[in-house]
């Protein structure tokens, strides 16, 4: 089995060398594609140091999912993945992935554990992964993207990443795999390091993340799980420090009641996109 990894990149010069090194130093050779959206921070000069070891393309793209899709069109691997240019794989993660697939060849999506690291590559915690639970996944993304790999078979079934998304493209893709009946497995091993610092999408664009998750939940599931609604309330209360949220969420039971009501209401409006999308633009 061959493995192809796509690296979407934009202005991640301080981290991209470490990312690439984590790929080329795997004991098993993998196919590597880097798509840099014409960065202005010296990334191009770093990539030129890897001529002959990776395939890289420096050209403007339409965002992260567009860059990944360009790579998927070129990839020849039986197993596919993408790695953001500020993340990295741990040593021999690819070997562990291949060993697992050899033992369980029906696997369509494999995910493992991941460390959180800071700007200086120091381990600062663990990503909260857990055993696969499809019902729970509808209200919580417990898969860490750099530790996720999927089969060519499932790619042929569900296709490319949704280029309308910018923050939640990975959650949407895993959800589509699950909805299509894909076989999803958990490997209780560390496979990657996910960079955590204030400028990441996860930290700096939380409101947009919830908006995308709400919209794609309506589109893929036909409702918004109450867990996502409760997490949004926590964001409004503790991060946005919304006075309205504080007034309505003075105790945890209020949050639970509103979460249940929000899920019920989402069933009713799920097919009315003329109502849903403008509403999210205003509220989120």
C-alpha atoms as a PDB file:
ATOM      1  CA  UNK A   1       0.000   0.000   0.000  1.00  0.00           C
ATOM      2  CA  UNK A   2       1.150   3.490  -0.863  1.00  0.00           C
ATOM      3  CA  UNK A   3       0.459   6.654   1.145  1.00  0.00           C
ATOM      4  CA  UNK A   4      -0.085  10.171  -0.214  1.00  0.00           C
ATOM      5  CA  UNK A   5      -0.036  13.240   2.045  1.00  0.00           C
ATOM      6  CA  UNK A   6      -1.118  16.713   0.912  1.00  0.00           C
ATOM      7  CA  UNK A   7       0.167  19.823   2.671  1.00  0.00           C
ATOM      8  CA  UNK A   8      -1.881  23.013   2.131  1.00  0.00           C
ATOM      9  CA  UNK A   9       0.259  26.009   2.995  1.00  0.00           C
ATOM     10  CA  UNK A  10      -0.022  29.761   3.397  1.00  0.00           C
ATOM     11  CA  UNK A  11       2.426  31.942   5.356  1.00  0.00           C
ATOM     12  CA  UNK A  12       3.590  29.194   7.705  1.00  0.00           C
ATOM     13  CA  UNK A  13       7.299  29.764   7.123  1.00  0.00           C
ATOM     14  CA  UNK A  14       8.284  29.297  10.789  1.00  0.00           C
ATOM     15  CA  UNK A  15       6.774  25.799  10.845  1.00  0.00           C
ATOM     16  CA  UNK A  16       6.763  24.323   7.354  1.00  0.00           C
ATOM     17  CA  UNK A  17      10.291  22.904   7.470  1.00  0.00           C
ATOM     18  CA  UNK A  18       9.450  20.940  10.602  1.00  0.00           C
ATOM     19  CA  UNK A  19       6.254  19.734   8.913  1.00  0.00           C
ATOM     20  CA  UNK A  20       8.082  18.524   5.803  1.00  0.00           C
ATOM     21  CA  UNK A  21      10.887  16.931   7.792  1.00  0.00           C
ATOM     22  CA  UNK A  22       8.331  14.939   9.783  1.00  0.00           C
ATOM     23  CA  UNK A  23       7.075  13.513   6.471  1.00  0.00           C
ATOM     24  CA  UNK A  24      10.323  12.750   4.684  1.00  0.00           C
ATOM     25  CA  UNK A  25      11.863  11.198   7.812  1.00  0.00           C
ATOM     26  CA  UNK A  26       9.178   8.544   8.070  1.00  0.00           C
ATOM     27  CA  UNK A  27      10.856   5.138   7.674  1.00  0.00           C
ATOM     28  CA  UNK A  28       8.428   4.346   4.849  1.00  0.00           C
ATOM     29  CA  UNK A  29       8.592   6.559   1.772  1.00  0.00           C
ATOM     30  CA  UNK A  30       5.388   8.469   1.097  1.00  0.00           C
ATOM     31  CA  UNK A  31       4.141  10.657  -1.725  1.00  0.00           C
ATOM     32  CA  UNK A  32       4.159  14.315  -0.589  1.00  0.00           C
ATOM     33  CA  UNK A  33       2.435  17.248  -2.284  1.00  0.00           C
ATOM     34  CA  UNK A  34       2.785  20.792  -0.941  1.00  0.00           C
ATOM     35  CA  UNK A  35       0.453  23.464  -2.310  1.00  0.00           C
ATOM     36  CA  UNK A  36       1.535  26.920  -1.204  1.00  0.00           C
ATOM     37  CA  UNK A  37      -0.792  29.837  -1.984  1.00  0.00           C
ATOM     38  CA  UNK A  38       2.055  32.196  -2.938  1.00  0.00           C
ATOM     39  CA  UNK A  39       3.151  32.926   0.629  1.00  0.00           C
ATOM     40  CA  UNK A  40       5.021  36.149   1.335  1.00  0.00           C
ATOM     41  CA  UNK A  41       7.066  34.903   4.307  1.00  0.00           C
ATOM     42  CA  UNK A  42       9.916  32.960   2.681  1.00  0.00           C
ATOM     43  CA  UNK A  43       8.066  29.649   2.388  1.00  0.00           C
ATOM     44  CA  UNK A  44       9.013  29.351  -1.297  1.00  0.00           C
ATOM     45  CA  UNK A  45      12.735  29.457  -0.479  1.00  0.00           C
ATOM     46  CA  UNK A  46      12.296  26.717   2.128  1.00  0.00           C
ATOM     47  CA  UNK A  47      10.411  24.510  -0.326  1.00  0.00           C
ATOM     48  CA  UNK A  48      13.224  24.791  -2.859  1.00  0.00           C
ATOM     49  CA  UNK A  49      15.491  22.997  -0.376  1.00  0.00           C
ATOM     50  CA  UNK A  50      13.371  19.883  -0.972  1.00  0.00           C
ATOM     51  CA  UNK A  51      13.542  19.619  -4.735  1.00  0.00           C
ATOM     52  CA  UNK A  52      13.522  15.915  -5.614  1.00  0.00           C
ATOM     53  CA  UNK A  53      12.092  14.885  -2.235  1.00  0.00           C
ATOM     54  CA  UNK A  54       8.608  16.392  -2.485  1.00  0.00           C
ATOM     55  CA  UNK A  55       6.331  17.782  -5.185  1.00  0.00           C
ATOM     56  CA  UNK A  56       5.491  21.395  -4.467  1.00  0.00           C
ATOM     57  CA  UNK A  57       3.414  24.009  -6.249  1.00  0.00           C
ATOM     58  CA  UNK A  58       3.501  27.740  -5.545  1.00  0.00           C
ATOM     59  CA  UNK A  59       0.338  29.292  -6.891  1.00  0.00           C
ATOM     60  CA  UNK A  60      -2.649  31.204  -5.593  1.00  0.00           C
ATOM     61  CA  UNK A  61      -5.555  28.987  -4.587  1.00  0.00           C
ATOM     62  CA  UNK A  62      -9.136  29.529  -3.427  1.00  0.00           C
ATOM     63  CA  UNK A  63      -8.518  28.405   0.143  1.00  0.00           C
ATOM     64  CA  UNK A  64      -7.499  25.330   2.105  1.00  0.00           C
ATOM     65  CA  UNK A  65     -10.060  22.848   0.720  1.00  0.00           C
ATOM     66  CA  UNK A  66      -9.217  23.919  -2.841  1.00  0.00           C
ATOM     67  CA  UNK A  67      -5.519  23.237  -2.191  1.00  0.00           C
ATOM     68  CA  UNK A  68      -6.314  19.817  -0.701  1.00  0.00           C
ATOM     69  CA  UNK A  69      -8.544  18.934  -3.638  1.00  0.00           C
ATOM     70  CA  UNK A  70      -5.774  19.854  -6.074  1.00  0.00           C
ATOM     71  CA  UNK A  71      -3.565  17.395  -4.239  1.00  0.00           C
ATOM     72  CA  UNK A  72      -6.202  14.676  -4.255  1.00  0.00           C
ATOM     73  CA  UNK A  73      -6.407  14.979  -8.034  1.00  0.00           C
ATOM     74  CA  UNK A  74      -2.676  14.221  -8.261  1.00  0.00           C
ATOM     75  CA  UNK A  75      -2.335  11.673  -5.452  1.00  0.00           C
ATOM     76  CA  UNK A  76      -1.805   8.025  -6.356  1.00  0.00           C
ATOM     77  CA  UNK A  77      -1.786   6.522  -2.869  1.00  0.00           C
ATOM     78  CA  UNK A  78      -4.065   3.793  -1.554  1.00  0.00           C
ATOM     79  CA  UNK A  79      -4.170   5.711   1.736  1.00  0.00           C
ATOM     80  CA  UNK A  80      -4.681   9.480   1.774  1.00  0.00           C
ATOM     81  CA  UNK A  81      -4.266  12.284   4.266  1.00  0.00           C
ATOM     82  CA  UNK A  82      -3.514  15.949   4.621  1.00  0.00           C
ATOM     83  CA  UNK A  83      -1.266  17.759   7.055  1.00  0.00           C
ATOM     84  CA  UNK A  84      -1.490  21.472   7.757  1.00  0.00           C
ATOM     85  CA  UNK A  85       1.864  23.159   7.313  1.00  0.00           C
ATOM     86  CA  UNK A  86       2.139  24.093  10.998  1.00  0.00           C
ATOM     87  CA  UNK A  87       1.470  20.520  12.205  1.00  0.00           C
ATOM     88  CA  UNK A  88       3.681  17.452  12.002  1.00  0.00           C
ATOM     89  CA  UNK A  89       3.641  13.670  12.191  1.00  0.00           C
ATOM     90  CA  UNK A  90       5.398  11.771  14.959  1.00  0.00           C
ATOM     91  CA  UNK A  91       8.157   9.304  13.990  1.00  0.00           C
ATOM     92  CA  UNK A  92       6.879   6.078  12.387  1.00  0.00           C
ATOM     93  CA  UNK A  93       3.244   7.160  12.405  1.00  0.00           C
ATOM     94  CA  UNK A  94       2.944   6.017   8.788  1.00  0.00           C
ATOM     95  CA  UNK A  95       4.336   2.613   9.716  1.00  0.00           C
ATOM     96  CA  UNK A  96       1.684   2.276  12.414  1.00  0.00           C
ATOM     97  CA  UNK A  97      -1.027   3.308   9.943  1.00  0.00           C
ATOM     98  CA  UNK A  98       0.111   0.765   7.353  1.00  0.00           C
ATOM     99  CA  UNK A  99       0.381  -2.013   9.949  1.00  0.00           C
ATOM    100  CA  UNK A 100      -3.189  -1.276  11.050  1.00  0.00           C
ATOM    101  CA  UNK A 101      -4.522  -1.274   7.488  1.00  0.00           C
ATOM    102  CA  UNK A 102      -2.780  -4.574   6.780  1.00  0.00           C
ATOM    103  CA  UNK A 103      -4.593  -6.124   9.736  1.00  0.00           C
ATOM    104  CA  UNK A 104      -7.927  -4.374   9.043  1.00  0.00           C
ATOM    105  CA  UNK A 105      -8.104  -3.849   5.257  1.00  0.00           C
ATOM    106  CA  UNK A 106     -11.804  -2.905   5.351  1.00  0.00           C
ATOM    107  CA  UNK A 107     -10.931   0.374   7.126  1.00  0.00           C
ATOM    108  CA  UNK A 108     -12.122   3.509   5.346  1.00  0.00           C
ATOM    109  CA  UNK A 109     -11.119   6.153   7.900  1.00  0.00           C
ATOM    110  CA  UNK A 110      -8.454   5.644  10.545  1.00  0.00           C
ATOM    111  CA  UNK A 111      -7.749   8.151  13.286  1.00  0.00           C
ATOM    112  CA  UNK A 112      -5.322   8.142  16.179  1.00  0.00           C
ATOM    113  CA  UNK A 113      -4.189  10.250  19.108  1.00  0.00           C
ATOM    114  CA  UNK A 114      -2.431  13.605  18.844  1.00  0.00           C
ATOM    115  CA  UNK A 115      -0.315  15.864  21.018  1.00  0.00           C
ATOM    116  CA  UNK A 116      -0.967  19.578  21.262  1.00  0.00           C
ATOM    117  CA  UNK A 117       2.258  21.543  20.764  1.00  0.00           C
ATOM    118  CA  UNK A 118       2.965  25.262  21.082  1.00  0.00           C
ATOM    119  CA  UNK A 119       4.888  27.644  18.795  1.00  0.00           C
ATOM    120  CA  UNK A 120       8.161  26.172  20.078  1.00  0.00           C
ATOM    121  CA  UNK A 121       7.087  22.553  19.474  1.00  0.00           C
ATOM    122  CA  UNK A 122       6.741  21.849  23.175  1.00  0.00           C
ATOM    123  CA  UNK A 123       4.023  19.348  24.114  1.00  0.00           C
ATOM    124  CA  UNK A 124       1.316  21.184  26.056  1.00  0.00           C
ATOM    125  CA  UNK A 125      -1.444  18.577  26.166  1.00  0.00           C
ATOM    126  CA  UNK A 126      -3.419  15.877  24.387  1.00  0.00           C
ATOM    127  CA  UNK A 127      -6.224  16.227  21.864  1.00  0.00           C
ATOM    128  CA  UNK A 128      -9.394  14.737  23.347  1.00  0.00           C
ATOM    129  CA  UNK A 129      -9.815  11.715  21.086  1.00  0.00           C
ATOM    130  CA  UNK A 130     -12.032   8.768  21.989  1.00  0.00           C
ATOM    131  CA  UNK A 131     -13.284   5.481  20.570  1.00  0.00           C
ATOM    132  CA  UNK A 132     -15.584   5.842  17.588  1.00  0.00           C
ATOM    133  CA  UNK A 133     -19.197   6.653  18.493  1.00  0.00           C
ATOM    134  CA  UNK A 134     -21.262   7.783  15.514  1.00  0.00           C
ATOM    135  CA  UNK A 135     -24.104   9.204  17.595  1.00  0.00           C
ATOM    136  CA  UNK A 136     -21.719  11.266  19.740  1.00  0.00           C
ATOM    137  CA  UNK A 137     -19.844  12.477  16.652  1.00  0.00           C
ATOM    138  CA  UNK A 138     -22.937  14.332  15.480  1.00  0.00           C
ATOM    139  CA  UNK A 139     -22.392  16.727  18.383  1.00  0.00           C
ATOM    140  CA  UNK A 140     -18.629  16.660  18.930  1.00  0.00           C
ATOM    141  CA  UNK A 141     -15.553  16.371  16.714  1.00  0.00           C
ATOM    142  CA  UNK A 142     -13.230  14.068  18.644  1.00  0.00           C
ATOM    143  CA  UNK A 143     -11.080  13.225  15.608  1.00  0.00           C
ATOM    144  CA  UNK A 144      -7.840  15.186  15.350  1.00  0.00           C
ATOM    145  CA  UNK A 145      -7.343  16.029  11.673  1.00  0.00           C
ATOM    146  CA  UNK A 146      -3.541  15.482  11.352  1.00  0.00           C
ATOM    147  CA  UNK A 147      -4.014  11.995  12.839  1.00  0.00           C
ATOM    148  CA  UNK A 148      -6.662  11.037  10.252  1.00  0.00           C
ATOM    149  CA  UNK A 149      -6.137   8.912   7.126  1.00  0.00           C
ATOM    150  CA  UNK A 150      -8.690   7.585   4.662  1.00  0.00           C
ATOM    151  CA  UNK A 151      -8.800   4.969   1.933  1.00  0.00           C
ATOM    152  CA  UNK A 152      -8.829   5.514  -1.799  1.00  0.00           C
ATOM    153  CA  UNK A 153     -11.966   3.353  -1.781  1.00  0.00           C
ATOM    154  CA  UNK A 154     -13.917   5.819   0.372  1.00  0.00           C
ATOM    155  CA  UNK A 155     -12.530   8.799  -1.564  1.00  0.00           C
ATOM    156  CA  UNK A 156     -13.899   7.260  -4.754  1.00  0.00           C
ATOM    157  CA  UNK A 157     -17.262   6.977  -3.008  1.00  0.00           C
ATOM    158  CA  UNK A 158     -17.649  10.448  -1.434  1.00  0.00           C
ATOM    159  CA  UNK A 159     -15.344  12.614  -3.541  1.00  0.00           C
ATOM    160  CA  UNK A 160     -13.574  15.851  -2.696  1.00  0.00           C
ATOM    161  CA  UNK A 161     -13.653  18.313   0.200  1.00  0.00           C
ATOM    162  CA  UNK A 162     -16.409  20.929   0.220  1.00  0.00           C
ATOM    163  CA  UNK A 163     -14.783  24.140  -1.022  1.00  0.00           C
ATOM    164  CA  UNK A 164     -17.581  26.246   0.474  1.00  0.00           C
ATOM    165  CA  UNK A 165     -16.117  25.570   3.920  1.00  0.00           C
ATOM    166  CA  UNK A 166     -13.074  27.213   5.421  1.00  0.00           C
ATOM    167  CA  UNK A 167     -12.952  26.218   9.095  1.00  0.00           C
ATOM    168  CA  UNK A 168     -14.851  22.915   9.392  1.00  0.00           C
ATOM    169  CA  UNK A 169     -13.913  21.116   6.181  1.00  0.00           C
ATOM    170  CA  UNK A 170     -12.410  18.152   8.050  1.00  0.00           C
ATOM    171  CA  UNK A 171     -15.417  17.590  10.337  1.00  0.00           C
ATOM    172  CA  UNK A 172     -17.667  17.742   7.287  1.00  0.00           C
ATOM    173  CA  UNK A 173     -15.534  15.162   5.462  1.00  0.00           C
ATOM    174  CA  UNK A 174     -15.481  12.702   8.370  1.00  0.00           C
ATOM    175  CA  UNK A 175     -19.255  13.162   8.740  1.00  0.00           C
ATOM    176  CA  UNK A 176     -19.743  12.355   5.064  1.00  0.00           C
ATOM    177  CA  UNK A 177     -17.639   9.212   5.423  1.00  0.00           C
ATOM    178  CA  UNK A 178     -19.742   8.110   8.397  1.00  0.00           C
ATOM    179  CA  UNK A 179     -23.023   8.862   6.612  1.00  0.00           C
ATOM    180  CA  UNK A 180     -21.905   6.883   3.552  1.00  0.00           C
ATOM    181  CA  UNK A 181     -21.432   3.768   5.690  1.00  0.00           C
ATOM    182  CA  UNK A 182     -17.641   3.961   5.781  1.00  0.00           C
ATOM    183  CA  UNK A 183     -15.789   1.749   8.259  1.00  0.00           C
ATOM    184  CA  UNK A 184     -14.176   4.034  10.859  1.00  0.00           C
ATOM    185  CA  UNK A 185     -11.510   2.738  13.241  1.00  0.00           C
ATOM    186  CA  UNK A 186      -9.585   4.226  16.158  1.00  0.00           C
ATOM    187  CA  UNK A 187      -5.877   3.511  16.692  1.00  0.00           C
ATOM    188  CA  UNK A 188      -4.850   4.108  20.298  1.00  0.00           C
ATOM    189  CA  UNK A 189      -1.431   5.475  19.302  1.00  0.00           C
ATOM    190  CA  UNK A 190      -0.004   8.974  18.917  1.00  0.00           C
ATOM    191  CA  UNK A 191       0.290   9.791  15.218  1.00  0.00           C
ATOM    192  CA  UNK A 192       0.708  13.557  15.038  1.00  0.00           C
ATOM    193  CA  UNK A 193       1.311  16.871  16.754  1.00  0.00           C
ATOM    194  CA  UNK A 194      -1.324  19.584  16.323  1.00  0.00           C
ATOM    195  CA  UNK A 195      -0.062  23.142  16.710  1.00  0.00           C
ATOM    196  CA  UNK A 196      -2.021  25.261  19.232  1.00  0.00           C
ATOM    197  CA  UNK A 197      -1.383  29.015  19.344  1.00  0.00           C
ATOM    198  CA  UNK A 198      -3.576  32.135  19.226  1.00  0.00           C
ATOM    199  CA  UNK A 199      -3.449  32.617  15.443  1.00  0.00           C
ATOM    200  CA  UNK A 200      -4.842  29.194  14.495  1.00  0.00           C
ATOM    201  CA  UNK A 201      -8.338  28.992  13.008  1.00  0.00           C
ATOM    202  CA  UNK A 202      -9.520  26.996  15.998  1.00  0.00           C
ATOM    203  CA  UNK A 203      -8.481  29.723  18.416  1.00  0.00           C
ATOM    204  CA  UNK A 204      -9.056  32.900  16.384  1.00  0.00           C
ATOM    205  CA  UNK A 205     -12.201  32.093  14.371  1.00  0.00           C
ATOM    206  CA  UNK A 206     -14.445  30.307  16.825  1.00  0.00           C
ATOM    207  CA  UNK A 207     -17.623  32.094  15.765  1.00  0.00           C
ATOM    208  CA  UNK A 208     -17.089  31.148  12.117  1.00  0.00           C
ATOM    209  CA  UNK A 209     -16.461  27.542  13.127  1.00  0.00           C
ATOM    210  CA  UNK A 210     -19.817  27.320  14.886  1.00  0.00           C
ATOM    211  CA  UNK A 211     -21.591  28.959  11.949  1.00  0.00           C
ATOM    212  CA  UNK A 212     -20.122  26.402   9.537  1.00  0.00           C
ATOM    213  CA  UNK A 213     -20.861  23.473  11.843  1.00  0.00           C
ATOM    214  CA  UNK A 214     -24.470  24.594  12.284  1.00  0.00           C
ATOM    215  CA  UNK A 215     -24.955  24.995   8.536  1.00  0.00           C
ATOM    216  CA  UNK A 216     -23.297  21.705   7.583  1.00  0.00           C
ATOM    217  CA  UNK A 217     -25.198  19.869  10.344  1.00  0.00           C
ATOM    218  CA  UNK A 218     -28.459  21.090   8.848  1.00  0.00           C
ATOM    219  CA  UNK A 219     -27.273  20.099   5.374  1.00  0.00           C
ATOM    220  CA  UNK A 220     -25.826  16.672   6.264  1.00  0.00           C
ATOM    221  CA  UNK A 221     -27.970  15.590   9.217  1.00  0.00           C
ATOM    222  CA  UNK A 222     -31.155  17.617   8.979  1.00  0.00           C
ATOM    223  CA  UNK A 223     -30.724  19.122  12.447  1.00  0.00           C
ATOM    224  CA  UNK A 224     -28.146  20.616  14.845  1.00  0.00           C
ATOM    225  CA  UNK A 225     -27.191  18.364  17.734  1.00  0.00           C
ATOM    226  CA  UNK A 226     -27.868  19.939  21.132  1.00  0.00           C
ATOM    227  CA  UNK A 227     -24.235  19.362  22.126  1.00  0.00           C
ATOM    228  CA  UNK A 228     -23.042  21.819  19.445  1.00  0.00           C
ATOM    229  CA  UNK A 229     -25.645  24.336  20.612  1.00  0.00           C
ATOM    230  CA  UNK A 230     -24.485  24.008  24.219  1.00  0.00           C
ATOM    231  CA  UNK A 231     -20.857  24.447  23.128  1.00  0.00           C
ATOM    232  CA  UNK A 232     -21.878  27.593  21.243  1.00  0.00           C
ATOM    233  CA  UNK A 233     -23.543  28.923  24.397  1.00  0.00           C
ATOM    234  CA  UNK A 234     -20.309  28.268  26.323  1.00  0.00           C
ATOM    235  CA  UNK A 235     -18.400  30.200  23.644  1.00  0.00           C
ATOM    236  CA  UNK A 236     -20.814  33.144  23.891  1.00  0.00           C
ATOM    237  CA  UNK A 237     -20.732  33.115  27.666  1.00  0.00           C
ATOM    238  CA  UNK A 238     -17.058  32.515  28.435  1.00  0.00           C
ATOM    239  CA  UNK A 239     -15.175  33.674  25.330  1.00  0.00           C
ATOM    240  CA  UNK A 240     -17.351  36.365  23.771  1.00  0.00           C
ATOM    241  CA  UNK A 241     -18.583  37.328  27.252  1.00  0.00           C
ATOM    242  CA  UNK A 242     -21.968  38.191  25.802  1.00  0.00           C
ATOM    243  CA  UNK A 243     -24.220  39.969  28.288  1.00  0.00           C
ATOM    244  CA  UNK A 244     -27.275  38.387  26.649  1.00  0.00           C
ATOM    245  CA  UNK A 245     -25.775  34.903  27.021  1.00  0.00           C
ATOM    246  CA  UNK A 246     -24.974  35.567  30.660  1.00  0.00           C
ATOM    247  CA  UNK A 247     -28.524  36.711  31.296  1.00  0.00           C
ATOM    248  CA  UNK A 248     -30.053  33.578  29.791  1.00  0.00           C
ATOM    249  CA  UNK A 249     -27.381  31.089  30.913  1.00  0.00           C
ATOM    250  CA  UNK A 250     -27.113  31.860  34.583  1.00  0.00           C
ATOM    251  CA  UNK A 251     -27.116  28.148  35.428  1.00  0.00           C
ATOM    252  CA  UNK A 252     -26.269  24.948  33.583  1.00  0.00           C
ATOM    253  CA  UNK A 253     -29.877  23.736  33.517  1.00  0.00           C
ATOM    254  CA  UNK A 254     -30.835  26.760  31.413  1.00  0.00           C
ATOM    255  CA  UNK A 255     -28.144  25.881  28.888  1.00  0.00           C
ATOM    256  CA  UNK A 256     -29.406  22.297  28.691  1.00  0.00           C
ATOM    257  CA  UNK A 257     -33.011  23.413  28.213  1.00  0.00           C
ATOM    258  CA  UNK A 258     -32.046  25.884  25.489  1.00  0.00           C
ATOM    259  CA  UNK A 259     -29.878  23.226  23.821  1.00  0.00           C
ATOM    260  CA  UNK A 260     -32.822  20.829  23.664  1.00  0.00           C
ATOM    261  CA  UNK A 261     -35.106  23.562  22.338  1.00  0.00           C
ATOM    262  CA  UNK A 262     -32.514  24.598  19.751  1.00  0.00           C
ATOM    263  CA  UNK A 263     -32.155  21.033  18.482  1.00  0.00           C
ATOM    264  CA  UNK A 264     -35.927  20.688  18.213  1.00  0.00           C
ATOM    265  CA  UNK A 265     -36.202  24.007  16.364  1.00  0.00           C
ATOM    266  CA  UNK A 266     -33.367  23.045  13.991  1.00  0.00           C
ATOM    267  CA  UNK A 267     -35.333  20.014  12.776  1.00  0.00           C
ATOM    268  CA  UNK A 268     -38.136  22.355  11.737  1.00  0.00           C
ATOM    269  CA  UNK A 269     -35.954  24.819   9.813  1.00  0.00           C
ATOM    270  CA  UNK A 270     -33.372  22.435   8.362  1.00  0.00           C
ATOM    271  CA  UNK A 271     -34.775  22.508   4.834  1.00  0.00           C
ATOM    272  CA  UNK A 272     -35.381  26.256   4.703  1.00  0.00           C
ATOM    273  CA  UNK A 273     -31.958  27.530   3.610  1.00  0.00           C
ATOM    274  CA  UNK A 274     -33.420  30.949   2.722  1.00  0.00           C
ATOM    275  CA  UNK A 275     -34.122  31.362   6.429  1.00  0.00           C
ATOM    276  CA  UNK A 276     -31.164  29.487   7.888  1.00  0.00           C
ATOM    277  CA  UNK A 277     -28.144  31.059   6.184  1.00  0.00           C
ATOM    278  CA  UNK A 278     -29.073  34.739   6.743  1.00  0.00           C
ATOM    279  CA  UNK A 279     -30.001  33.907  10.334  1.00  0.00           C
ATOM    280  CA  UNK A 280     -26.576  32.413  11.025  1.00  0.00           C
ATOM    281  CA  UNK A 281     -24.864  35.389   9.416  1.00  0.00           C
ATOM    282  CA  UNK A 282     -26.645  37.680  11.901  1.00  0.00           C
ATOM    283  CA  UNK A 283     -26.422  35.592  15.059  1.00  0.00           C
ATOM    284  CA  UNK A 284     -23.011  33.913  14.774  1.00  0.00           C
END
